[in-house]
Amino acid sequence: MNASHDYQRVYVWEQPVRWFHWINAASITALGVTGWLIAHPPGLLNAGEASGSFWFGTVRFVHFAVGYVFLANFAFRLYWAFAGNKYASWRNFLPLRKAQVRQIWDVLKVDIMQSSDKPVHTLGHNSVAYFTYAGTGLLTLFQIVSGFALYASMSSSAFPHLFAWLVPVFGSEQNLRLFHYAALWAFIVFTLIHIYLVFYHDYVEGHGVMSSIIGGWKFMEKHKAAAEEAHGISAFPEVKAAPPPVPAKPHATR
């Protein structure tokens, strides 16, 4: 007979975080496909007029336009790291406490070494995920700066020229383009691992990891949720205001 569990429904991922996730996923997909075509343009023969076959220009336009969306979405996520709830807080992405560092080893034993069958129960991300996302955030920043630096030489807009200083740092546009293209493959590898781990943790932990990025809710047994809220490994506990003091009752007079 299966044991029954008393689960608690916890609202973890707020709507802005979920919108950021899916806009980011769509942007990376569009940038990856168009970026690969820009790096490896196929030779397509067309008997029509050249003016009607400007497909490569369209590919470049989509790449540049989505780049602005990618930047705006990333800037909003930085803002929400300060305005959002404790699970979205910027403090989770930095190793500020020993408990976060200790949790890394516990997660690696389950995810990588497969030497433990005891999943790490967290309502937000675990520490490995938070620190990995901090790394992808830096990679995102590099892609944005390097992308606009490469765009500056062919744009009359003032904004891309703010990043033109990066070209001399790398020696030439071609050198910078190689690093920009290599970062694309880093995103591809990350995406494959990310999708695998989402399915894996959803199966191992049973907290609704997959559905949480759509609806925002996760599920955890009440005693584990209460313990996690208390120690706050995956997110800093919220500070609750102390209840107002109860006024003393006046002494009865005779």
C-alpha atoms as a PDB file:
ATOM      1  CA  MET A   1       0.000   0.000   0.000  1.00  0.00           C
ATOM      2  CA  ASN A   2       1.430   3.373  -1.031  1.00  0.00           C
ATOM      3  CA  ALA A   3       2.041   5.896   1.710  1.00  0.00           C
ATOM      4  CA  SER A   4      -0.036   9.046   1.507  1.00  0.00           C
ATOM      5  CA  HIS A   5       1.657  12.437   1.520  1.00  0.00           C
ATOM      6  CA  ASP A   6       0.281  15.756   2.672  1.00  0.00           C
ATOM      7  CA  TYR A   7       1.545  18.194   0.036  1.00  0.00           C
ATOM      8  CA  GLN A   8       1.639  21.953   0.231  1.00  0.00           C
ATOM      9  CA  ARG A   9       1.097  24.106  -2.869  1.00  0.00           C
ATOM     10  CA  VAL A  10       3.630  26.956  -2.962  1.00  0.00           C
ATOM     11  CA  TYR A  11       3.648  29.858  -5.446  1.00  0.00           C
ATOM     12  CA  VAL A  12       7.302  30.080  -6.457  1.00  0.00           C
ATOM     13  CA  TRP A  13       7.733  31.568  -9.938  1.00  0.00           C
ATOM     14  CA  GLU A  14       5.909  34.856 -10.373  1.00  0.00           C
ATOM     15  CA  GLN A  15       4.402  35.741 -13.739  1.00  0.00           C
ATOM     16  CA  PRO A  16       7.246  38.139 -14.754  1.00  0.00           C
ATOM     17  CA  VAL A  17       9.797  35.357 -14.199  1.00  0.00           C
ATOM     18  CA  ARG A  18       7.764  32.962 -16.335  1.00  0.00           C
ATOM     19  CA  TRP A  19       7.402  35.524 -19.117  1.00  0.00           C
ATOM     20  CA  PHE A  20      11.151  36.168 -18.990  1.00  0.00           C
ATOM     21  CA  HIS A  21      11.863  32.434 -19.281  1.00  0.00           C
ATOM     22  CA  TRP A  22       9.748  31.864 -22.391  1.00  0.00           C
ATOM     23  CA  ILE A  23      10.746  35.114 -24.124  1.00  0.00           C
ATOM     24  CA  ASN A  24      14.368  34.233 -23.414  1.00  0.00           C
ATOM     25  CA  ALA A  25      13.890  30.718 -24.806  1.00  0.00           C
ATOM     26  CA  ALA A  26      12.256  32.046 -27.979  1.00  0.00           C
ATOM     27  CA  SER A  27      14.931  34.739 -28.408  1.00  0.00           C
ATOM     28  CA  ILE A  28      17.825  32.302 -27.983  1.00  0.00           C
ATOM     29  CA  THR A  29      16.223  29.924 -30.493  1.00  0.00           C
ATOM     30  CA  ALA A  30      15.737  32.687 -33.079  1.00  0.00           C
ATOM     31  CA  LEU A  31      19.216  34.119 -32.488  1.00  0.00           C
ATOM     32  CA  GLY A  32      20.776  30.659 -32.642  1.00  0.00           C
ATOM     33  CA  VAL A  33      19.130  29.688 -35.941  1.00  0.00           C
ATOM     34  CA  THR A  34      19.773  33.031 -37.647  1.00  0.00           C
ATOM     35  CA  GLY A  35      23.281  33.233 -36.171  1.00  0.00           C
ATOM     36  CA  TRP A  36      24.150  29.819 -37.562  1.00  0.00           C
ATOM     37  CA  LEU A  37      22.836  30.841 -41.001  1.00  0.00           C
ATOM     38  CA  ILE A  38      24.905  34.034 -40.880  1.00  0.00           C
ATOM     39  CA  ALA A  39      28.027  31.999 -40.056  1.00  0.00           C
ATOM     40  CA  HIS A  40      27.226  29.296 -42.638  1.00  0.00           C
ATOM     41  CA  PRO A  41      25.127  30.887 -45.410  1.00  0.00           C
ATOM     42  CA  PRO A  42      23.841  28.227 -47.812  1.00  0.00           C
ATOM     43  CA  GLY A  43      24.280  28.793 -51.534  1.00  0.00           C
ATOM     44  CA  LEU A  44      20.732  29.009 -52.874  1.00  0.00           C
ATOM     45  CA  LEU A  45      20.204  29.382 -56.607  1.00  0.00           C
ATOM     46  CA  ASN A  46      17.242  31.380 -57.850  1.00  0.00           C
ATOM     47  CA  ALA A  47      16.325  32.238 -61.419  1.00  0.00           C
ATOM     48  CA  GLY A  48      14.371  35.314 -60.346  1.00  0.00           C
ATOM     49  CA  GLU A  49      15.504  38.894 -59.945  1.00  0.00           C
ATOM     50  CA  ALA A  50      18.092  39.499 -57.216  1.00  0.00           C
ATOM     51  CA  SER A  51      15.875  42.222 -55.727  1.00  0.00           C
ATOM     52  CA  GLY A  52      13.284  39.547 -54.954  1.00  0.00           C
ATOM     53  CA  SER A  53      15.761  37.173 -53.314  1.00  0.00           C
ATOM     54  CA  PHE A  54      16.945  39.216 -50.369  1.00  0.00           C
ATOM     55  CA  TRP A  55      16.511  36.295 -47.958  1.00  0.00           C
ATOM     56  CA  PHE A  56      19.928  36.685 -46.333  1.00  0.00           C
ATOM     57  CA  GLY A  57      19.202  40.332 -45.571  1.00  0.00           C
ATOM     58  CA  THR A  58      15.975  39.188 -43.909  1.00  0.00           C
ATOM     59  CA  VAL A  59      17.923  36.672 -41.823  1.00  0.00           C
ATOM     60  CA  ARG A  60      20.293  39.405 -40.664  1.00  0.00           C
ATOM     61  CA  PHE A  61      17.404  41.774 -39.900  1.00  0.00           C
ATOM     62  CA  VAL A  62      15.673  39.122 -37.763  1.00  0.00           C
ATOM     63  CA  HIS A  63      18.942  38.459 -35.927  1.00  0.00           C
ATOM     64  CA  PHE A  64      19.479  42.142 -35.136  1.00  0.00           C
ATOM     65  CA  ALA A  65      15.831  42.800 -34.212  1.00  0.00           C
ATOM     66  CA  VAL A  66      15.655  39.831 -31.857  1.00  0.00           C
ATOM     67  CA  GLY A  67      18.939  41.034 -30.354  1.00  0.00           C
ATOM     68  CA  TYR A  68      17.102  44.126 -29.079  1.00  0.00           C
ATOM     69  CA  VAL A  69      14.376  41.901 -27.598  1.00  0.00           C
ATOM     70  CA  PHE A  70      17.056  39.752 -25.967  1.00  0.00           C
ATOM     71  CA  LEU A  71      18.628  42.865 -24.405  1.00  0.00           C
ATOM     72  CA  ALA A  72      15.313  44.274 -23.132  1.00  0.00           C
ATOM     73  CA  ASN A  73      14.302  40.939 -21.638  1.00  0.00           C
ATOM     74  CA  PHE A  74      17.659  40.547 -19.884  1.00  0.00           C
ATOM     75  CA  ALA A  75      17.481  44.100 -18.514  1.00  0.00           C
ATOM     76  CA  PHE A  76      14.010  43.390 -17.136  1.00  0.00           C
ATOM     77  CA  ARG A  77      15.256  40.223 -15.407  1.00  0.00           C
ATOM     78  CA  LEU A  78      18.013  42.229 -13.730  1.00  0.00           C
ATOM     79  CA  TYR A  79      15.357  44.623 -12.446  1.00  0.00           C
ATOM     80  CA  TRP A  80      13.178  41.749 -11.225  1.00  0.00           C
ATOM     81  CA  ALA A  81      16.134  40.330  -9.305  1.00  0.00           C
ATOM     82  CA  PHE A  82      15.559  43.271  -6.956  1.00  0.00           C
ATOM     83  CA  ALA A  83      11.774  43.696  -7.286  1.00  0.00           C
ATOM     84  CA  GLY A  84      10.653  40.054  -7.328  1.00  0.00           C
ATOM     85  CA  ASN A  85      10.030  37.544  -4.567  1.00  0.00           C
ATOM     86  CA  LYS A  86      12.763  35.738  -2.655  1.00  0.00           C
ATOM     87  CA  TYR A  87      13.064  32.932  -5.217  1.00  0.00           C
ATOM     88  CA  ALA A  88      13.950  35.441  -7.949  1.00  0.00           C
ATOM     89  CA  SER A  89      16.292  37.505  -5.747  1.00  0.00           C
ATOM     90  CA  TRP A  90      19.816  38.313  -6.949  1.00  0.00           C
ATOM     91  CA  ARG A  91      21.194  37.026  -3.648  1.00  0.00           C
ATOM     92  CA  ASN A  92      20.492  33.425  -4.663  1.00  0.00           C
ATOM     93  CA  PHE A  93      22.869  33.660  -7.615  1.00  0.00           C
ATOM     94  CA  LEU A  94      25.915  34.475  -5.472  1.00  0.00           C
ATOM     95  CA  PRO A  95      27.629  32.110  -2.974  1.00  0.00           C
ATOM     96  CA  LEU A  96      26.905  34.316   0.007  1.00  0.00           C
ATOM     97  CA  ARG A  97      26.360  31.564   2.567  1.00  0.00           C
ATOM     98  CA  LYS A  98      28.015  28.288   3.492  1.00  0.00           C
ATOM     99  CA  ALA A  99      24.727  26.420   3.153  1.00  0.00           C
ATOM    100  CA  GLN A 100      24.612  27.287  -0.535  1.00  0.00           C
ATOM    101  CA  VAL A 101      28.127  25.945  -1.103  1.00  0.00           C
ATOM    102  CA  ARG A 102      27.417  22.755   0.863  1.00  0.00           C
ATOM    103  CA  GLN A 103      24.323  22.135  -1.223  1.00  0.00           C
ATOM    104  CA  ILE A 104      26.408  22.024  -4.404  1.00  0.00           C
ATOM    105  CA  TRP A 105      28.016  18.744  -3.329  1.00  0.00           C
ATOM    106  CA  ASP A 106      24.650  17.234  -2.397  1.00  0.00           C
ATOM    107  CA  VAL A 107      23.218  18.082  -5.819  1.00  0.00           C
ATOM    108  CA  LEU A 108      26.271  16.814  -7.727  1.00  0.00           C
ATOM    109  CA  LYS A 109      26.027  13.458  -5.942  1.00  0.00           C
ATOM    110  CA  VAL A 110      22.504  13.039  -7.333  1.00  0.00           C
ATOM    111  CA  ASP A 111      22.779  14.693 -10.753  1.00  0.00           C
ATOM    112  CA  ILE A 112      26.320  13.879 -11.894  1.00  0.00           C
ATOM    113  CA  MET A 113      27.890  11.092  -9.882  1.00  0.00           C
ATOM    114  CA  GLN A 114      24.637   9.179  -9.316  1.00  0.00           C
ATOM    115  CA  SER A 115      26.019   8.117  -5.950  1.00  0.00           C
ATOM    116  CA  SER A 116      22.953   9.194  -3.981  1.00  0.00           C
ATOM    117  CA  ASP A 117      19.260   8.557  -4.451  1.00  0.00           C
ATOM    118  CA  LYS A 118      18.223  11.251  -1.988  1.00  0.00           C
ATOM    119  CA  PRO A 119      17.039  14.282  -3.976  1.00  0.00           C
ATOM    120  CA  VAL A 120      17.773  17.776  -2.702  1.00  0.00           C
ATOM    121  CA  HIS A 121      14.433  19.352  -1.846  1.00  0.00           C
ATOM    122  CA  THR A 122      14.230  23.033  -2.756  1.00  0.00           C
ATOM    123  CA  LEU A 123      11.298  25.249  -3.601  1.00  0.00           C
ATOM    124  CA  GLY A 124      13.359  27.585  -5.760  1.00  0.00           C
ATOM    125  CA  HIS A 125      16.348  26.387  -7.760  1.00  0.00           C
ATOM    126  CA  ASN A 126      19.062  24.429  -6.021  1.00  0.00           C
ATOM    127  CA  SER A 127      22.447  26.124  -5.599  1.00  0.00           C
ATOM    128  CA  VAL A 128      24.016  24.442  -8.654  1.00  0.00           C
ATOM    129  CA  ALA A 129      21.192  25.759 -10.837  1.00  0.00           C
ATOM    130  CA  TYR A 130      21.404  29.259  -9.374  1.00  0.00           C
ATOM    131  CA  PHE A 131      25.167  29.477  -9.910  1.00  0.00           C
ATOM    132  CA  THR A 132      24.844  28.009 -13.415  1.00  0.00           C
ATOM    133  CA  TYR A 133      22.266  30.663 -14.282  1.00  0.00           C
ATOM    134  CA  ALA A 134      24.660  33.294 -12.960  1.00  0.00           C
ATOM    135  CA  GLY A 135      27.220  31.956 -15.444  1.00  0.00           C
ATOM    136  CA  THR A 136      24.743  32.006 -18.319  1.00  0.00           C
ATOM    137  CA  GLY A 137      23.848  35.557 -17.277  1.00  0.00           C
ATOM    138  CA  LEU A 138      27.470  36.590 -17.805  1.00  0.00           C
ATOM    139  CA  LEU A 139      27.483  34.724 -21.110  1.00  0.00           C
ATOM    140  CA  THR A 140      24.293  36.561 -22.089  1.00  0.00           C
ATOM    141  CA  LEU A 141      25.936  39.877 -21.250  1.00  0.00           C
ATOM    142  CA  PHE A 142      28.921  38.986 -23.448  1.00  0.00           C
ATOM    143  CA  GLN A 143      26.664  37.994 -26.339  1.00  0.00           C
ATOM    144  CA  ILE A 144      24.747  41.265 -26.096  1.00  0.00           C
ATOM    145  CA  VAL A 145      27.848  43.468 -25.919  1.00  0.00           C
ATOM    146  CA  SER A 146      29.755  41.552 -28.612  1.00  0.00           C
ATOM    147  CA  GLY A 147      26.694  41.365 -30.872  1.00  0.00           C
ATOM    148  CA  PHE A 148      26.105  45.105 -30.802  1.00  0.00           C
ATOM    149  CA  ALA A 149      29.850  45.706 -31.218  1.00  0.00           C
ATOM    150  CA  LEU A 150      29.782  43.674 -34.441  1.00  0.00           C
ATOM    151  CA  TYR A 151      26.616  45.465 -35.540  1.00  0.00           C
ATOM    152  CA  ALA A 152      28.106  48.943 -34.967  1.00  0.00           C
ATOM    153  CA  SER A 153      30.135  49.021 -38.201  1.00  0.00           C
ATOM    154  CA  MET A 154      26.988  48.565 -40.333  1.00  0.00           C
ATOM    155  CA  SER A 155      24.525  50.652 -38.311  1.00  0.00           C
ATOM    156  CA  SER A 156      23.826  54.365 -38.309  1.00  0.00           C
ATOM    157  CA  SER A 157      22.139  54.109 -34.907  1.00  0.00           C
ATOM    158  CA  ALA A 158      24.013  55.538 -31.937  1.00  0.00           C
ATOM    159  CA  PHE A 159      23.227  52.664 -29.571  1.00  0.00           C
ATOM    160  CA  PRO A 160      25.360  49.905 -31.188  1.00  0.00           C
ATOM    161  CA  HIS A 161      28.314  52.301 -31.327  1.00  0.00           C
ATOM    162  CA  LEU A 162      28.339  52.383 -27.527  1.00  0.00           C
ATOM    163  CA  PHE A 163      29.863  48.887 -27.691  1.00  0.00           C
ATOM    164  CA  ALA A 164      32.303  49.421 -30.577  1.00  0.00           C
ATOM    165  CA  TRP A 165      35.202  49.607 -28.104  1.00  0.00           C
ATOM    166  CA  LEU A 166      35.090  45.826 -27.745  1.00  0.00           C
ATOM    167  CA  VAL A 167      36.386  45.208 -31.284  1.00  0.00           C
ATOM    168  CA  PRO A 168      39.904  46.617 -30.618  1.00  0.00           C
ATOM    169  CA  VAL A 169      40.039  44.625 -27.361  1.00  0.00           C
ATOM    170  CA  PHE A 170      39.806  41.392 -29.374  1.00  0.00           C
ATOM    171  CA  GLY A 171      42.084  42.690 -32.142  1.00  0.00           C
ATOM    172  CA  SER A 172      39.620  42.558 -35.011  1.00  0.00           C
ATOM    173  CA  GLU A 173      35.981  41.964 -35.892  1.00  0.00           C
ATOM    174  CA  GLN A 174      36.840  38.468 -37.084  1.00  0.00           C
ATOM    175  CA  ASN A 175      38.370  37.510 -33.727  1.00  0.00           C
ATOM    176  CA  LEU A 176      35.355  38.871 -31.868  1.00  0.00           C
ATOM    177  CA  ARG A 177      33.022  37.085 -34.289  1.00  0.00           C
ATOM    178  CA  LEU A 178      34.710  33.758 -33.467  1.00  0.00           C
ATOM    179  CA  PHE A 179      34.105  34.229 -29.731  1.00  0.00           C
ATOM    180  CA  HIS A 180      30.533  35.376 -30.416  1.00  0.00           C
ATOM    181  CA  TYR A 181      29.932  32.233 -32.473  1.00  0.00           C
ATOM    182  CA  ALA A 182      31.581  29.974 -29.869  1.00  0.00           C
ATOM    183  CA  ALA A 183      29.226  31.361 -27.216  1.00  0.00           C
ATOM    184  CA  LEU A 184      26.322  30.226 -29.408  1.00  0.00           C
ATOM    185  CA  TRP A 185      27.469  26.619 -28.999  1.00  0.00           C
ATOM    186  CA  ALA A 186      27.839  27.152 -25.260  1.00  0.00           C
ATOM    187  CA  PHE A 187      24.148  28.118 -25.190  1.00  0.00           C
ATOM    188  CA  ILE A 188      23.250  25.038 -27.236  1.00  0.00           C
ATOM    189  CA  VAL A 189      25.073  22.723 -24.820  1.00  0.00           C
ATOM    190  CA  PHE A 190      23.483  24.480 -21.840  1.00  0.00           C
ATOM    191  CA  THR A 191      20.004  24.158 -23.366  1.00  0.00           C
ATOM    192  CA  LEU A 192      20.379  20.412 -23.912  1.00  0.00           C
ATOM    193  CA  ILE A 193      21.576  19.863 -20.330  1.00  0.00           C
ATOM    194  CA  HIS A 194      18.887  22.193 -18.978  1.00  0.00           C
ATOM    195  CA  ILE A 195      16.052  20.304 -20.686  1.00  0.00           C
ATOM    196  CA  TYR A 196      17.413  16.951 -19.524  1.00  0.00           C
ATOM    197  CA  LEU A 197      17.726  18.086 -15.906  1.00  0.00           C
ATOM    198  CA  VAL A 198      14.221  19.563 -15.888  1.00  0.00           C
ATOM    199  CA  PHE A 199      12.773  16.181 -16.868  1.00  0.00           C
ATOM    200  CA  TYR A 200      15.131  14.373 -14.488  1.00  0.00           C
ATOM    201  CA  HIS A 201      14.318  16.512 -11.445  1.00  0.00           C
ATOM    202  CA  ASP A 202      10.626  16.409 -12.210  1.00  0.00           C
ATOM    203  CA  TYR A 203      10.836  12.602 -12.089  1.00  0.00           C
ATOM    204  CA  VAL A 204      13.168  12.306  -9.069  1.00  0.00           C
ATOM    205  CA  GLU A 205      11.671  15.018  -6.866  1.00  0.00           C
ATOM    206  CA  GLY A 206       8.035  15.069  -7.982  1.00  0.00           C
ATOM    207  CA  HIS A 207       7.629  18.763  -7.128  1.00  0.00           C
ATOM    208  CA  GLY A 208       6.091  19.859 -10.421  1.00  0.00           C
ATOM    209  CA  VAL A 209       9.270  21.420 -11.805  1.00  0.00           C
ATOM    210  CA  MET A 210       8.043  21.273 -15.410  1.00  0.00           C
ATOM    211  CA  SER A 211       4.592  22.702 -14.771  1.00  0.00           C
ATOM    212  CA  SER A 212       5.914  25.390 -12.404  1.00  0.00           C
ATOM    213  CA  ILE A 213       7.401  27.439 -15.248  1.00  0.00           C
ATOM    214  CA  ILE A 214       3.903  27.618 -16.759  1.00  0.00           C
ATOM    215  CA  GLY A 215       1.682  28.053 -13.717  1.00  0.00           C
ATOM    216  CA  GLY A 216       4.237  29.166 -11.124  1.00  0.00           C
ATOM    217  CA  TRP A 217       3.281  26.597  -8.478  1.00  0.00           C
ATOM    218  CA  LYS A 218       5.405  23.852  -6.942  1.00  0.00           C
ATOM    219  CA  PHE A 219       4.362  21.077  -4.604  1.00  0.00           C
ATOM    220  CA  MET A 220       6.229  19.788  -1.585  1.00  0.00           C
ATOM    221  CA  GLU A 221       5.366  17.728   1.478  1.00  0.00           C
ATOM    222  CA  LYS A 222       4.365  20.132   4.224  1.00  0.00           C
ATOM    223  CA  HIS A 223       7.085  19.225   6.703  1.00  0.00           C
ATOM    224  CA  LYS A 224       9.792  19.567   4.001  1.00  0.00           C
ATOM    225  CA  ALA A 225       8.357  22.863   2.778  1.00  0.00           C
ATOM    226  CA  ALA A 226       8.304  24.200   6.332  1.00  0.00           C
ATOM    227  CA  ALA A 227      11.920  23.104   6.880  1.00  0.00           C
ATOM    228  CA  GLU A 228      13.057  24.726   3.654  1.00  0.00           C
ATOM    229  CA  GLU A 229      11.271  27.953   4.511  1.00  0.00           C
ATOM    230  CA  ALA A 230      13.058  27.910   7.856  1.00  0.00           C
ATOM    231  CA  HIS A 231      16.629  27.377   6.664  1.00  0.00           C
ATOM    232  CA  GLY A 232      16.175  29.094   3.303  1.00  0.00           C
ATOM    233  CA  ILE A 233      18.952  27.289   1.419  1.00  0.00           C
ATOM    234  CA  SER A 234      17.495  27.863  -2.029  1.00  0.00           C
ATOM    235  CA  ALA A 235      16.243  31.316  -1.166  1.00  0.00           C
ATOM    236  CA  PHE A 236      16.558  33.733   1.694  1.00  0.00           C
ATOM    237  CA  PRO A 237      13.587  33.546   4.044  1.00  0.00           C
ATOM    238  CA  GLU A 238      11.231  36.457   3.988  1.00  0.00           C
ATOM    239  CA  VAL A 239      11.372  38.750   6.976  1.00  0.00           C
ATOM    240  CA  LYS A 240       8.008  38.829   8.667  1.00  0.00           C
ATOM    241  CA  ALA A 241       6.997  41.773  10.766  1.00  0.00           C
ATOM    242  CA  ALA A 242       6.647  41.079  14.457  1.00  0.00           C
ATOM    243  CA  PRO A 243       3.071  41.162  15.731  1.00  0.00           C
ATOM    244  CA  PRO A 244       2.138  44.322  17.639  1.00  0.00           C
ATOM    245  CA  PRO A 245       2.382  44.001  21.440  1.00  0.00           C
ATOM    246  CA  VAL A 246      -0.839  43.195  23.224  1.00  0.00           C
ATOM    247  CA  PRO A 247      -1.752  46.077  25.556  1.00  0.00           C
ATOM    248  CA  ALA A 248      -1.961  45.163  29.219  1.00  0.00           C
ATOM    249  CA  LYS A 249      -5.392  44.936  30.694  1.00  0.00           C
ATOM    250  CA  PRO A 250      -6.153  47.642  33.301  1.00  0.00           C
ATOM    251  CA  HIS A 251      -6.498  46.425  36.883  1.00  0.00           C
ATOM    252  CA  ALA A 252     -10.050  46.211  38.104  1.00  0.00           C
ATOM    253  CA  THR A 253     -10.897  48.773  40.775  1.00  0.00           C
ATOM    254  CA  ARG A 254     -13.142  48.070  43.713  1.00  0.00           C
END
